[in-house]
C-alpha atoms as a PDB file:
ATOM      1  CA  MET A   1     -11.923   5.788   2.139  1.00  0.00           C
ATOM      2  CA  ILE A   2     -10.162   5.568  -1.210  1.00  0.00           C
ATOM      3  CA  THR A   3      -7.831   2.722  -2.190  1.00  0.00           C
ATOM      4  CA  VAL A   4      -4.570   4.296  -3.360  1.00  0.00           C
ATOM      5  CA  ALA A   5      -2.515   1.115  -3.659  1.00  0.00           C
ATOM      6  CA  THR A   6      -2.766  -2.644  -3.526  1.00  0.00           C
ATOM      7  CA  CYS A   7       0.230  -4.751  -2.549  1.00  0.00           C
ATOM      8  CA  ASN A   8       0.918  -8.467  -2.675  1.00  0.00           C
ATOM      9  CA  ASP A   9       2.895  -8.693   0.574  1.00  0.00           C
ATOM     10  CA  SER A  10       2.812  -7.266   4.080  1.00  0.00           C
ATOM     11  CA  ALA A  11       6.335  -5.837   3.877  1.00  0.00           C
ATOM     12  CA  SER A  12       5.386  -3.548   0.982  1.00  0.00           C
ATOM     13  CA  VAL A  13       2.238  -2.477   2.810  1.00  0.00           C
ATOM     14  CA  GLN A  14       4.178  -1.603   5.947  1.00  0.00           C
ATOM     15  CA  LEU A  15       6.710   0.425   3.939  1.00  0.00           C
ATOM     16  CA  VAL A  16       4.000   2.444   2.191  1.00  0.00           C
ATOM     17  CA  LYS A  17       2.028   2.855   5.424  1.00  0.00           C
ATOM     18  CA  SER A  18       5.128   4.134   7.218  1.00  0.00           C
ATOM     19  CA  VAL A  19       6.006   6.647   4.504  1.00  0.00           C
ATOM     20  CA  LEU A  20       2.438   7.948   4.289  1.00  0.00           C
ATOM     21  CA  ASN A  21       2.132   8.217   8.077  1.00  0.00           C
ATOM     22  CA  ASP A  22       5.447  10.103   8.201  1.00  0.00           C
ATOM     23  CA  SER A  23       3.976  12.492   5.638  1.00  0.00           C
ATOM     24  CA  GLY A  24       1.004  13.157   7.893  1.00  0.00           C
ATOM     25  CA  ILE A  25      -1.457  10.981   5.984  1.00  0.00           C
ATOM     26  CA  ALA A  26      -3.534   8.573   8.050  1.00  0.00           C
ATOM     27  CA  VAL A  27      -3.741   5.114   6.489  1.00  0.00           C
ATOM     28  CA  PHE A  28      -6.340   2.367   6.806  1.00  0.00           C
ATOM     29  CA  ILE A  29      -5.478  -1.220   5.817  1.00  0.00           C
ATOM     30  CA  PRO A  30      -8.799  -3.137   5.668  1.00  0.00           C
ATOM     31  CA  ASP A  31      -7.103  -6.418   4.715  1.00  0.00           C
ATOM     32  CA  GLU A  32      -4.343  -6.264   7.334  1.00  0.00           C
ATOM     33  CA  ASN A  33      -5.721  -8.932   9.660  1.00  0.00           C
ATOM     34  CA  THR A  34      -6.390 -11.340   6.798  1.00  0.00           C
ATOM     35  CA  ALA A  35      -2.866 -10.828   5.454  1.00  0.00           C
ATOM     36  CA  GLN A  36      -1.379 -11.550   8.869  1.00  0.00           C
ATOM     37  CA  THR A  37      -3.534 -14.522   9.847  1.00  0.00           C
ATOM     38  CA  ALA A  38      -4.082 -16.126   6.436  1.00  0.00           C
ATOM     39  CA  PRO A  39      -1.386 -14.870   4.036  1.00  0.00           C
ATOM     40  CA  TYR A  40      -2.286 -17.586   1.526  1.00  0.00           C
ATOM     41  CA  LEU A  41      -5.522 -15.654   0.876  1.00  0.00           C
ATOM     42  CA  ILE A  42      -3.809 -12.423  -0.217  1.00  0.00           C
ATOM     43  CA  PHE A  43      -4.104 -13.229  -3.914  1.00  0.00           C
ATOM     44  CA  ALA A  44      -7.657 -14.564  -3.504  1.00  0.00           C
ATOM     45  CA  ILE A  45      -8.827 -11.264  -2.025  1.00  0.00           C
ATOM     46  CA  GLY A  46      -7.041  -9.231  -4.694  1.00  0.00           C
ATOM     47  CA  GLY A  47      -4.111  -8.057  -2.603  1.00  0.00           C
ATOM     48  CA  ILE A  48      -3.785  -5.908   0.483  1.00  0.00           C
ATOM     49  CA  ARG A  49      -5.522  -2.550   0.033  1.00  0.00           C
ATOM     50  CA  ILE A  50      -4.024   0.693   1.302  1.00  0.00           C
ATOM     51  CA  GLN A  51      -6.714   3.314   1.850  1.00  0.00           C
ATOM     52  CA  VAL A  52      -6.722   6.994   2.779  1.00  0.00           C
ATOM     53  CA  THR A  53      -9.375   9.675   3.028  1.00  0.00           C
ATOM     54  CA  GLN A  54     -10.533  11.248  -0.213  1.00  0.00           C
ATOM     55  CA  GLU A  55      -8.852  14.554   0.719  1.00  0.00           C
ATOM     56  CA  ASN A  56      -5.471  12.807   0.972  1.00  0.00           C
ATOM     57  CA  ALA A  57      -5.798  10.464  -2.024  1.00  0.00           C
ATOM     58  CA  GLU A  58      -3.972  12.636  -4.562  1.00  0.00           C
ATOM     59  CA  ALA A  59      -1.089  13.419  -2.196  1.00  0.00           C
ATOM     60  CA  ALA A  60      -0.820   9.751  -1.204  1.00  0.00           C
ATOM     61  CA  ARG A  61      -0.652   8.619  -4.840  1.00  0.00           C
ATOM     62  CA  ALA A  62       2.083  11.172  -5.532  1.00  0.00           C
ATOM     63  CA  ILE A  63       4.111   9.967  -2.537  1.00  0.00           C
ATOM     64  CA  ILE A  64       3.669   6.333  -3.584  1.00  0.00           C
ATOM     65  CA  ALA A  65       4.786   7.159  -7.136  1.00  0.00           C
ATOM     66  CA  GLN A  66       7.918   8.866  -5.760  1.00  0.00           C
ATOM     67  CA  LEU A  67       8.602   5.896  -3.507  1.00  0.00           C
ATOM     68  CA  ASP A  68       8.289   3.478  -6.413  1.00  0.00           C
ATOM     69  CA  ALA A  69      10.455   5.637  -8.714  1.00  0.00           C
ATOM     70  CA  ALA A  70      13.187   5.915  -6.053  1.00  0.00           C
ATOM     71  CA  SER A  71      13.403   2.148  -5.608  1.00  0.00           C
ATOM     72  CA  PRO A  72      16.068   0.195  -7.488  1.00  0.00           C
ATOM     73  CA  GLU A  73      14.597  -1.842 -10.348  1.00  0.00           C
ATOM     74  CA  SER A  74      15.002  -5.060  -8.359  1.00  0.00           C
ATOM     75  CA  ASP A  75      13.018  -3.603  -5.452  1.00  0.00           C
ATOM     76  CA  ARG A  76      10.134  -2.170  -7.455  1.00  0.00           C
ATOM     77  CA  MET A  77       6.668  -2.841  -6.175  1.00  0.00           C
ATOM     78  CA  PRO A  78       5.023  -5.975  -7.564  1.00  0.00           C
ATOM     79  CA  PRO A  79       2.859  -5.629 -10.700  1.00  0.00           C
ATOM     80  CA  ALA A  80      -0.339  -5.632  -8.617  1.00  0.00           C
ATOM     81  CA  PHE A  81       0.820  -2.409  -6.958  1.00  0.00           C
ATOM     82  CA  THR A  82      -1.608   0.232  -8.188  1.00  0.00           C
END
């Protein structure tokens, strides 16, 4: 699995996960349980990772870049979004 993005909040993760799933890309969120049960640890663990298979990594990054570019400036992903 390849990490294609890291988010600082569960809402951003769910948005990206939904868009990628709708595009036919399976997503794995290894930090999902930690974010839900102990959200105060999100920054300590370096954010919530969004991972896809290596074959889908390039397409996922392109979709995420389009999603970020389409967002109004006030809704842009946090700086830790990579």
